């Protein structure tokens, strides 16, 4: 379920495994699990943690274009990414 995926994404973020996070988020719909804001925030944070600010901003822009409303964490991480630009 989404909670399990979010937990995995969070663990990947803490261990700086952004590649795994990226794959997990991409594969969520294949398992009929819809990514939520927490899933995307984990990926955003993973990207920023390893200075991949372009990818972080791409994920944030996807959030803005989706039906999911970015939360305070997403906006904060996006601002951190912009500071790296």
N, C-alpha and C. Protein backbone atom coordinates (compact mmCIF):
# COMPACT_ATOMS: atom_id res chain seq x y z
N UNK A 1 0.83 -1.19 0.00
CA UNK A 1 0.00 0.00 0.00
C UNK A 1 0.88 1.25 0.00
N UNK A 2 0.26 2.41 -0.05
CA UNK A 2 1.00 3.68 -0.13
C UNK A 2 1.87 3.91 1.10
N UNK A 3 1.39 3.48 2.27
CA UNK A 3 2.18 3.64 3.49
C UNK A 3 3.48 2.86 3.41
N UNK A 4 3.41 1.63 2.92
CA UNK A 4 4.60 0.79 2.79
C UNK A 4 5.58 1.40 1.81
N UNK A 5 5.09 1.85 0.66
CA UNK A 5 5.96 2.49 -0.32
C UNK A 5 6.58 3.76 0.26
N UNK A 6 5.81 4.55 0.98
CA UNK A 6 6.34 5.77 1.57
C UNK A 6 7.43 5.46 2.59
N UNK A 7 7.25 4.40 3.34
CA UNK A 7 8.28 3.97 4.30
C UNK A 7 9.55 3.55 3.58
N UNK A 8 9.40 2.81 2.49
CA UNK A 8 10.58 2.41 1.70
C UNK A 8 11.28 3.63 1.10
N UNK A 9 10.49 4.55 0.59
CA UNK A 9 11.06 5.77 0.02
C UNK A 9 11.80 6.57 1.08
N UNK A 10 11.25 6.64 2.25
CA UNK A 10 11.89 7.36 3.35
C UNK A 10 13.22 6.70 3.73
N UNK A 11 13.25 5.38 3.77
CA UNK A 11 14.49 4.66 4.07
C UNK A 11 15.54 4.91 3.00
N UNK A 12 15.11 4.94 1.75
CA UNK A 12 16.04 5.23 0.65
C UNK A 12 16.58 6.64 0.76
N UNK A 13 15.73 7.56 1.14
CA UNK A 13 16.14 8.96 1.31
C UNK A 13 17.21 9.07 2.40
N UNK A 14 16.99 8.39 3.52
CA UNK A 14 17.95 8.45 4.62
C UNK A 14 19.29 7.83 4.26
N UNK A 15 19.27 6.85 3.36
CA UNK A 15 20.52 6.19 2.96
C UNK A 15 21.08 6.75 1.65
N UNK A 16 20.52 7.85 1.19
CA UNK A 16 20.97 8.55 -0.02
C UNK A 16 20.92 7.65 -1.26
N UNK A 17 19.90 6.84 -1.36
CA UNK A 17 19.70 5.95 -2.51
C UNK A 17 18.61 6.50 -3.41
N UNK A 18 18.83 7.68 -3.97
CA UNK A 18 17.81 8.35 -4.77
C UNK A 18 17.42 7.53 -5.99
N UNK A 19 18.36 6.73 -6.52
CA UNK A 19 18.04 5.92 -7.70
C UNK A 19 16.95 4.90 -7.37
N UNK A 20 17.06 4.31 -6.18
CA UNK A 20 16.06 3.33 -5.76
C UNK A 20 14.72 4.04 -5.51
N UNK A 21 14.78 5.21 -4.89
CA UNK A 21 13.55 5.99 -4.66
C UNK A 21 12.85 6.30 -5.97
N UNK A 22 13.62 6.70 -6.94
CA UNK A 22 13.07 7.05 -8.25
C UNK A 22 12.36 5.84 -8.86
N UNK A 23 13.00 4.68 -8.79
CA UNK A 23 12.40 3.46 -9.34
C UNK A 23 11.14 3.04 -8.59
N UNK A 24 11.18 3.16 -7.26
CA UNK A 24 10.01 2.80 -6.46
C UNK A 24 8.81 3.68 -6.80
N UNK A 25 9.06 4.98 -6.90
CA UNK A 25 7.96 5.89 -7.22
C UNK A 25 7.40 5.60 -8.61
N UNK A 26 8.28 5.30 -9.55
CA UNK A 26 7.84 4.98 -10.91
C UNK A 26 7.02 3.69 -10.94
N UNK A 27 7.39 2.72 -10.09
CA UNK A 27 6.73 1.41 -10.09
C UNK A 27 5.45 1.36 -9.26
N UNK A 28 5.19 2.35 -8.45
CA UNK A 28 4.00 2.32 -7.59
C UNK A 28 2.72 2.08 -8.40
N UNK A 29 2.46 2.81 -9.48
CA UNK A 29 1.22 2.56 -10.23
C UNK A 29 1.14 1.16 -10.83
N UNK A 30 2.29 0.54 -11.10
CA UNK A 30 2.27 -0.82 -11.65
C UNK A 30 1.72 -1.82 -10.64
N UNK A 31 1.81 -1.48 -9.36
CA UNK A 31 1.28 -2.35 -8.31
C UNK A 31 -0.08 -1.85 -7.81
N UNK A 32 -0.67 -0.95 -8.60
CA UNK A 32 -1.99 -0.38 -8.30
C UNK A 32 -1.99 0.43 -7.01
N UNK A 33 -0.85 1.04 -6.71
CA UNK A 33 -0.74 1.95 -5.57
C UNK A 33 -0.52 3.35 -6.12
N UNK A 34 -1.33 4.29 -5.69
CA UNK A 34 -1.21 5.66 -6.16
C UNK A 34 -0.23 6.42 -5.27
N UNK A 35 0.80 7.02 -5.87
CA UNK A 35 1.73 7.83 -5.06
C UNK A 35 0.99 8.99 -4.40
N UNK A 36 1.39 9.31 -3.18
CA UNK A 36 0.78 10.43 -2.47
C UNK A 36 1.82 11.52 -2.24
N UNK A 37 1.43 12.57 -1.58
CA UNK A 37 2.35 13.69 -1.36
C UNK A 37 3.56 13.26 -0.54
N UNK A 38 3.40 12.33 0.37
CA UNK A 38 4.52 11.87 1.18
C UNK A 38 5.53 11.10 0.33
N UNK A 39 5.05 10.34 -0.62
CA UNK A 39 5.93 9.62 -1.54
C UNK A 39 6.77 10.61 -2.33
N UNK A 40 6.12 11.63 -2.85
CA UNK A 40 6.84 12.61 -3.65
C UNK A 40 7.79 13.45 -2.80
N UNK A 41 7.41 13.76 -1.57
CA UNK A 41 8.30 14.52 -0.69
C UNK A 41 9.56 13.73 -0.36
N UNK A 42 9.42 12.43 -0.20
CA UNK A 42 10.61 11.60 0.05
C UNK A 42 11.56 11.65 -1.13
N UNK A 43 11.01 11.57 -2.34
CA UNK A 43 11.86 11.64 -3.52
C UNK A 43 12.47 13.03 -3.66
N UNK A 44 11.68 14.07 -3.43
CA UNK A 44 12.19 15.44 -3.47
C UNK A 44 13.38 15.61 -2.53
N UNK A 45 13.20 15.15 -1.30
CA UNK A 45 14.25 15.29 -0.29
C UNK A 45 15.48 14.47 -0.67
N UNK A 46 15.28 13.29 -1.24
CA UNK A 46 16.40 12.47 -1.68
C UNK A 46 17.22 13.20 -2.73
N UNK A 47 16.56 13.82 -3.69
CA UNK A 47 17.27 14.56 -4.73
C UNK A 47 18.05 15.73 -4.15
N UNK A 48 17.43 16.49 -3.28
CA UNK A 48 18.11 17.66 -2.72
C UNK A 48 19.30 17.24 -1.87
N UNK A 49 19.16 16.14 -1.17
CA UNK A 49 20.23 15.67 -0.29
C UNK A 49 21.51 15.35 -1.06
N UNK A 50 21.37 14.94 -2.33
CA UNK A 50 22.54 14.61 -3.15
C UNK A 50 22.77 15.66 -4.25
N UNK A 51 22.22 16.87 -4.03
CA UNK A 51 22.43 18.02 -4.92
C UNK A 51 21.91 17.81 -6.34
N UNK A 52 20.86 17.07 -6.48
CA UNK A 52 20.21 16.89 -7.79
C UNK A 52 18.99 17.80 -7.84
N UNK A 53 19.26 19.10 -7.83
CA UNK A 53 18.21 20.09 -7.71
C UNK A 53 17.30 20.14 -8.94
N UNK A 54 17.83 19.85 -10.11
CA UNK A 54 16.99 19.88 -11.32
C UNK A 54 15.90 18.82 -11.21
N UNK A 55 16.28 17.60 -10.81
CA UNK A 55 15.30 16.53 -10.66
C UNK A 55 14.29 16.87 -9.56
N UNK A 56 14.76 17.48 -8.48
CA UNK A 56 13.86 17.86 -7.39
C UNK A 56 12.81 18.85 -7.88
N UNK A 57 13.24 19.81 -8.66
CA UNK A 57 12.29 20.80 -9.18
C UNK A 57 11.33 20.18 -10.20
N UNK A 58 11.80 19.20 -10.95
CA UNK A 58 10.91 18.50 -11.89
C UNK A 58 9.80 17.78 -11.14
N UNK A 59 10.16 17.09 -10.06
CA UNK A 59 9.16 16.38 -9.26
C UNK A 59 8.18 17.39 -8.64
N UNK A 60 8.71 18.51 -8.16
CA UNK A 60 7.84 19.53 -7.57
C UNK A 60 6.86 20.08 -8.61
N UNK A 61 7.34 20.33 -9.81
CA UNK A 61 6.47 20.83 -10.88
C UNK A 61 5.39 19.80 -11.23
N UNK A 62 5.75 18.51 -11.20
CA UNK A 62 4.75 17.46 -11.42
C UNK A 62 3.66 17.53 -10.35
N UNK A 63 4.07 17.81 -9.12
CA UNK A 63 3.11 17.94 -8.03
C UNK A 63 2.16 19.09 -8.30
N UNK A 64 2.71 20.20 -8.74
CA UNK A 64 1.87 21.38 -9.01
C UNK A 64 0.86 21.11 -10.12
N UNK A 65 1.23 20.28 -11.09
CA UNK A 65 0.36 19.98 -12.22
C UNK A 65 -0.62 18.86 -11.93
N UNK A 66 -0.41 18.13 -10.85
CA UNK A 66 -1.29 17.00 -10.52
C UNK A 66 -2.45 17.47 -9.65
N UNK A 67 -3.25 16.53 -9.27
CA UNK A 67 -4.38 16.84 -8.39
C UNK A 67 -3.94 16.87 -6.92
N UNK A 68 -2.69 16.47 -6.65
CA UNK A 68 -2.19 16.49 -5.27
C UNK A 68 -1.66 17.89 -4.96
N UNK A 69 -2.06 18.42 -3.84
CA UNK A 69 -1.60 19.74 -3.41
C UNK A 69 -0.29 19.59 -2.64
N UNK A 70 0.80 20.24 -3.10
CA UNK A 70 2.06 20.16 -2.34
C UNK A 70 1.85 20.68 -0.92
N UNK A 71 2.55 20.07 0.02
CA UNK A 71 2.44 20.49 1.41
C UNK A 71 3.64 21.39 1.76
N UNK A 72 3.72 21.79 3.01
CA UNK A 72 4.78 22.68 3.46
C UNK A 72 6.16 22.06 3.24
N UNK A 73 6.28 20.77 3.46
CA UNK A 73 7.57 20.09 3.25
C UNK A 73 7.98 20.19 1.79
N UNK A 74 7.05 19.96 0.88
CA UNK A 74 7.36 20.02 -0.55
C UNK A 74 7.83 21.42 -0.95
N UNK A 75 7.14 22.44 -0.46
CA UNK A 75 7.55 23.82 -0.77
C UNK A 75 8.92 24.13 -0.17
N UNK A 76 9.18 23.68 1.04
CA UNK A 76 10.46 23.92 1.68
C UNK A 76 11.60 23.27 0.92
N UNK A 77 11.40 22.03 0.52
CA UNK A 77 12.44 21.30 -0.22
C UNK A 77 12.63 21.93 -1.59
N UNK A 78 11.55 22.38 -2.23
CA UNK A 78 11.68 23.05 -3.52
C UNK A 78 12.49 24.35 -3.38
N UNK A 79 12.28 25.07 -2.30
CA UNK A 79 13.07 26.27 -2.06
C UNK A 79 14.54 25.94 -1.84
N UNK A 80 14.81 24.84 -1.15
CA UNK A 80 16.20 24.39 -0.97
C UNK A 80 16.83 24.06 -2.31
N UNK A 81 16.06 23.44 -3.20
CA UNK A 81 16.56 23.11 -4.53
C UNK A 81 16.86 24.39 -5.31
N UNK A 82 16.00 25.38 -5.19
CA UNK A 82 16.23 26.65 -5.89
C UNK A 82 17.49 27.36 -5.37
N UNK A 83 17.77 27.20 -4.09
CA UNK A 83 18.99 27.80 -3.54
C UNK A 83 20.24 27.16 -4.14
N UNK A 84 20.14 25.91 -4.55
CA UNK A 84 21.28 25.21 -5.15
C UNK A 84 21.50 25.60 -6.61
N UNK A 85 20.45 26.11 -7.23
CA UNK A 85 20.53 26.44 -8.66
C UNK A 85 21.52 27.55 -8.94
